Amino acid sequence: MSQHRSLRAVKTAGGKRNVLKRFERVALLKKRGLWKPGDRITGLPKTKPENI
């Protein structure tokens, strides 16, 4: 039995991601000046990647 097209592994090396990991969000917020050391890591505001 063959596997359906939608379930096959897609090349993720060059694919776009619209969800950031926590450390990526913190780095992006630091760059934008919206996060300072001592701020909580949980409950971060929603952020979009820069390359959109």
PDB file of N, CA and C in Angstrom:
ATOM      1  N   MET A   1       0.853  -1.166   0.000  1.00  0.00           N
ATOM      2  CA  MET A   1       0.000   0.000   0.000  1.00  0.00           C
ATOM      3  C   MET A   1       0.903   1.234   0.000  1.00  0.00           C
ATOM      4  N   SER A   2       0.563   2.205  -0.786  1.00  0.00           N
ATOM      5  CA  SER A   2       1.381   3.408  -0.861  1.00  0.00           C
ATOM      6  C   SER A   2       0.891   4.456   0.140  1.00  0.00           C
ATOM      7  N   GLN A   3       1.776   5.405   0.401  1.00  0.00           N
ATOM      8  CA  GLN A   3       1.453   6.458   1.351  1.00  0.00           C
ATOM      9  C   GLN A   3       0.844   7.653   0.617  1.00  0.00           C
ATOM     10  N   HIS A   4      -0.141   8.275   1.235  1.00  0.00           N
ATOM     11  CA  HIS A   4      -0.799   9.418   0.629  1.00  0.00           C
ATOM     12  C   HIS A   4       0.180  10.583   0.494  1.00  0.00           C
ATOM     13  N   ARG A   5       0.019  11.397  -0.552  1.00  0.00           N
ATOM     14  CA  ARG A   5       0.921  12.517  -0.820  1.00  0.00           C
ATOM     15  C   ARG A   5       1.045  13.468   0.366  1.00  0.00           C
ATOM     16  N   SER A   6      -0.045  13.752   1.039  1.00  0.00           N
ATOM     17  CA  SER A   6      -0.036  14.734   2.120  1.00  0.00           C
ATOM     18  C   SER A   6       0.729  14.249   3.353  1.00  0.00           C
ATOM     19  N   LEU A   7       0.979  12.957   3.456  1.00  0.00           N
ATOM     20  CA  LEU A   7       1.655  12.416   4.623  1.00  0.00           C
ATOM     21  C   LEU A   7       3.150  12.228   4.410  1.00  0.00           C
ATOM     22  N   ARG A   8       3.621  12.408   3.209  1.00  0.00           N
ATOM     23  CA  ARG A   8       5.037  12.226   2.930  1.00  0.00           C
ATOM     24  C   ARG A   8       5.851  13.366   3.527  1.00  0.00           C
ATOM     25  N   ALA A   9       7.087  13.053   3.868  1.00  0.00           N
ATOM     26  CA  ALA A   9       7.977  14.066   4.437  1.00  0.00           C
ATOM     27  C   ALA A   9       8.276  15.129   3.385  1.00  0.00           C
ATOM     28  N   VAL A  10       8.144  16.361   3.791  1.00  0.00           N
ATOM     29  CA  VAL A  10       8.425  17.480   2.905  1.00  0.00           C
ATOM     30  C   VAL A  10       9.790  18.021   3.283  1.00  0.00           C
ATOM     31  N   LYS A  11      10.500  18.535   2.320  1.00  0.00           N
ATOM     32  CA  LYS A  11      11.814  19.100   2.620  1.00  0.00           C
ATOM     33  C   LYS A  11      11.636  20.277   3.561  1.00  0.00           C
ATOM     34  N   THR A  12      12.143  20.137   4.776  1.00  0.00           N
ATOM     35  CA  THR A  12      11.962  21.187   5.774  1.00  0.00           C
ATOM     36  C   THR A  12      13.144  22.141   5.826  1.00  0.00           C
ATOM     37  N   ALA A  13      14.212  21.849   5.112  1.00  0.00           N
ATOM     38  CA  ALA A  13      15.392  22.705   5.176  1.00  0.00           C
ATOM     39  C   ALA A  13      15.089  24.095   4.637  1.00  0.00           C
ATOM     40  N   GLY A  14      14.335  24.186   3.565  1.00  0.00           N
ATOM     41  CA  GLY A  14      14.055  25.489   2.986  1.00  0.00           C
ATOM     42  C   GLY A  14      12.620  25.926   3.173  1.00  0.00           C
ATOM     43  N   GLY A  15      11.859  25.136   3.919  1.00  0.00           N
ATOM     44  CA  GLY A  15      10.456  25.464   4.092  1.00  0.00           C
ATOM     45  C   GLY A  15      10.227  26.626   5.036  1.00  0.00           C
ATOM     46  N   LYS A  16       9.110  27.318   4.849  1.00  0.00           N
ATOM     47  CA  LYS A  16       8.752  28.419   5.736  1.00  0.00           C
ATOM     48  C   LYS A  16       8.103  27.867   6.989  1.00  0.00           C
ATOM     49  N   ARG A  17       8.405  28.512   8.111  1.00  0.00           N
ATOM     50  CA  ARG A  17       7.739  28.157   9.358  1.00  0.00           C
ATOM     51  C   ARG A  17       7.020  29.400   9.843  1.00  0.00           C
ATOM     52  N   ASN A  18       5.820  29.236  10.323  1.00  0.00           N
ATOM     53  CA  ASN A  18       5.087  30.386  10.834  1.00  0.00           C
ATOM     54  C   ASN A  18       4.975  30.331  12.356  1.00  0.00           C
ATOM     55  N   VAL A  19       5.634  29.351  12.963  1.00  0.00           N
ATOM     56  CA  VAL A  19       5.639  29.228  14.410  1.00  0.00           C
ATOM     57  C   VAL A  19       7.087  29.265  14.875  1.00  0.00           C
ATOM     58  N   LEU A  20       7.368  30.115  15.856  1.00  0.00           N
ATOM     59  CA  LEU A  20       8.723  30.233  16.381  1.00  0.00           C
ATOM     60  C   LEU A  20       8.846  29.490  17.699  1.00  0.00           C
ATOM     61  N   LYS A  21      10.027  28.962  17.950  1.00  0.00           N
ATOM     62  CA  LYS A  21      10.303  28.359  19.245  1.00  0.00           C
ATOM     63  C   LYS A  21      10.494  29.485  20.250  1.00  0.00           C
ATOM     64  N   ARG A  22      10.417  29.162  21.529  1.00  0.00           N
ATOM     65  CA  ARG A  22      10.474  30.194  22.564  1.00  0.00           C
ATOM     66  C   ARG A  22      11.770  30.997  22.496  1.00  0.00           C
ATOM     67  N   PHE A  23      12.922  30.331  22.334  1.00  0.00           N
ATOM     68  CA  PHE A  23      14.188  31.056  22.300  1.00  0.00           C
ATOM     69  C   PHE A  23      14.271  31.969  21.077  1.00  0.00           C
ATOM     70  N   GLU A  24      13.626  31.565  19.975  1.00  0.00           N
ATOM     71  CA  GLU A  24      13.602  32.423  18.786  1.00  0.00           C
ATOM     72  C   GLU A  24      12.722  33.646  19.035  1.00  0.00           C
ATOM     73  N   ARG A  25      11.601  33.451  19.739  1.00  0.00           N
ATOM     74  CA  ARG A  25      10.714  34.577  20.049  1.00  0.00           C
ATOM     75  C   ARG A  25      11.400  35.574  20.972  1.00  0.00           C
ATOM     76  N   VAL A  26      12.118  35.060  21.982  1.00  0.00           N
ATOM     77  CA  VAL A  26      12.819  35.945  22.910  1.00  0.00           C
ATOM     78  C   VAL A  26      13.888  36.735  22.162  1.00  0.00           C
ATOM     79  N   ALA A  27      14.648  36.071  21.291  1.00  0.00           N
ATOM     80  CA  ALA A  27      15.687  36.761  20.529  1.00  0.00           C
ATOM     81  C   ALA A  27      15.074  37.852  19.645  1.00  0.00           C
ATOM     82  N   LEU A  28      13.940  37.559  19.021  1.00  0.00           N
ATOM     83  CA  LEU A  28      13.282  38.526  18.155  1.00  0.00           C
ATOM     84  C   LEU A  28      12.733  39.701  18.964  1.00  0.00           C
ATOM     85  N   LEU A  29      12.165  39.414  20.133  1.00  0.00           N
ATOM     86  CA  LEU A  29      11.660  40.488  20.987  1.00  0.00           C
ATOM     87  C   LEU A  29      12.795  41.346  21.528  1.00  0.00           C
ATOM     88  N   LYS A  30      13.947  40.726  21.846  1.00  0.00           N
ATOM     89  CA  LYS A  30      15.111  41.497  22.279  1.00  0.00           C
ATOM     90  C   LYS A  30      15.558  42.440  21.170  1.00  0.00           C
ATOM     91  N   LYS A  31      15.586  41.924  19.970  1.00  0.00           N
ATOM     92  CA  LYS A  31      16.015  42.726  18.819  1.00  0.00           C
ATOM     93  C   LYS A  31      15.077  43.913  18.599  1.00  0.00           C
ATOM     94  N   ARG A  32      13.790  43.694  18.829  1.00  0.00           N
ATOM     95  CA  ARG A  32      12.799  44.759  18.654  1.00  0.00           C
ATOM     96  C   ARG A  32      12.681  45.662  19.881  1.00  0.00           C
ATOM     97  N   GLY A  33      13.369  45.289  20.974  1.00  0.00           N
ATOM     98  CA  GLY A  33      13.344  46.098  22.181  1.00  0.00           C
ATOM     99  C   GLY A  33      12.105  45.911  23.024  1.00  0.00           C
ATOM    100  N   LEU A  34      11.414  44.802  22.867  1.00  0.00           N
ATOM    101  CA  LEU A  34      10.177  44.548  23.607  1.00  0.00           C
ATOM    102  C   LEU A  34      10.365  43.584  24.771  1.00  0.00           C
ATOM    103  N   TRP A  35      11.565  43.049  24.967  1.00  0.00           N
ATOM    104  CA  TRP A  35      11.836  42.118  26.053  1.00  0.00           C
ATOM    105  C   TRP A  35      13.146  42.506  26.703  1.00  0.00           C
ATOM    106  N   LYS A  36      13.150  42.534  28.016  1.00  0.00           N
ATOM    107  CA  LYS A  36      14.353  42.900  28.766  1.00  0.00           C
ATOM    108  C   LYS A  36      14.705  41.763  29.709  1.00  0.00           C
ATOM    109  N   PRO A  37      15.975  41.619  30.055  1.00  0.00           N
ATOM    110  CA  PRO A  37      16.350  40.588  31.023  1.00  0.00           C
ATOM    111  C   PRO A  37      15.563  40.794  32.324  1.00  0.00           C
ATOM    112  N   GLY A  38      15.071  39.723  32.868  1.00  0.00           N
ATOM    113  CA  GLY A  38      14.251  39.792  34.068  1.00  0.00           C
ATOM    114  C   GLY A  38      12.773  39.646  33.767  1.00  0.00           C
ATOM    115  N   ASP A  39      12.369  39.856  32.522  1.00  0.00           N
ATOM    116  CA  ASP A  39      10.976  39.643  32.134  1.00  0.00           C
ATOM    117  C   ASP A  39      10.684  38.143  32.136  1.00  0.00           C
ATOM    118  N   ARG A  40       9.413  37.816  32.287  1.00  0.00           N
ATOM    119  CA  ARG A  40       9.025  36.405  32.292  1.00  0.00           C
ATOM    120  C   ARG A  40       9.146  35.794  30.902  1.00  0.00           C
ATOM    121  N   ILE A  41       9.489  34.506  30.903  1.00  0.00           N
ATOM    122  CA  ILE A  41       9.614  33.785  29.634  1.00  0.00           C
ATOM    123  C   ILE A  41       8.264  33.261  29.186  1.00  0.00           C
ATOM    124  N   THR A  42       7.384  32.999  30.145  1.00  0.00           N
ATOM    125  CA  THR A  42       6.068  32.493  29.790  1.00  0.00           C
ATOM    126  C   THR A  42       5.137  33.663  29.490  1.00  0.00           C
ATOM    127  N   GLY A  43       4.156  33.419  28.667  1.00  0.00           N
ATOM    128  CA  GLY A  43       3.184  34.454  28.331  1.00  0.00           C
ATOM    129  C   GLY A  43       3.738  35.514  27.403  1.00  0.00           C
ATOM    130  N   LEU A  44       4.637  35.119  26.507  1.00  0.00           N
ATOM    131  CA  LEU A  44       5.213  36.074  25.558  1.00  0.00           C
ATOM    132  C   LEU A  44       4.149  36.538  24.566  1.00  0.00           C
ATOM    133  N   PRO A  45       4.257  37.758  24.077  1.00  0.00           N
ATOM    134  CA  PRO A  45       3.304  38.199  23.059  1.00  0.00           C
ATOM    135  C   PRO A  45       3.522  37.460  21.751  1.00  0.00           C
ATOM    136  N   LYS A  46       2.487  37.412  20.945  1.00  0.00           N
ATOM    137  CA  LYS A  46       2.599  36.758  19.642  1.00  0.00           C
ATOM    138  C   LYS A  46       3.564  37.535  18.771  1.00  0.00           C
ATOM    139  N   THR A  47       4.389  36.831  18.043  1.00  0.00           N
ATOM    140  CA  THR A  47       5.348  37.476  17.151  1.00  0.00           C
ATOM    141  C   THR A  47       5.351  36.734  15.823  1.00  0.00           C
ATOM    142  N   LYS A  48       5.570  37.484  14.782  1.00  0.00           N
ATOM    143  CA  LYS A  48       5.686  36.893  13.454  1.00  0.00           C
ATOM    144  C   LYS A  48       7.149  36.915  13.041  1.00  0.00           C
ATOM    145  N   PRO A  49       7.594  35.879  12.311  1.00  0.00           N
ATOM    146  CA  PRO A  49       8.969  35.891  11.833  1.00  0.00           C
ATOM    147  C   PRO A  49       9.244  37.098  10.963  1.00  0.00           C
ATOM    148  N   GLU A  50      10.501  37.501  10.900  1.00  0.00           N
ATOM    149  CA  GLU A  50      10.873  38.689  10.140  1.00  0.00           C
ATOM    150  C   GLU A  50      10.739  38.505   8.638  1.00  0.00           C
ATOM    151  N   ASN A  51      10.910  37.287   8.161  1.00  0.00           N
ATOM    152  CA  ASN A  51      10.962  37.069   6.710  1.00  0.00           C
ATOM    153  C   ASN A  51       9.586  36.973   6.055  1.00  0.00           C
ATOM    154  N   ILE A  52       8.547  37.385   6.725  1.00  0.00           N
ATOM    155  CA  ILE A  52       7.201  37.341   6.099  1.00  0.00           C
ATOM    156  C   ILE A  52       6.977  38.603   5.320  1.00  0.00           C
TER     157      ILE A  52
END
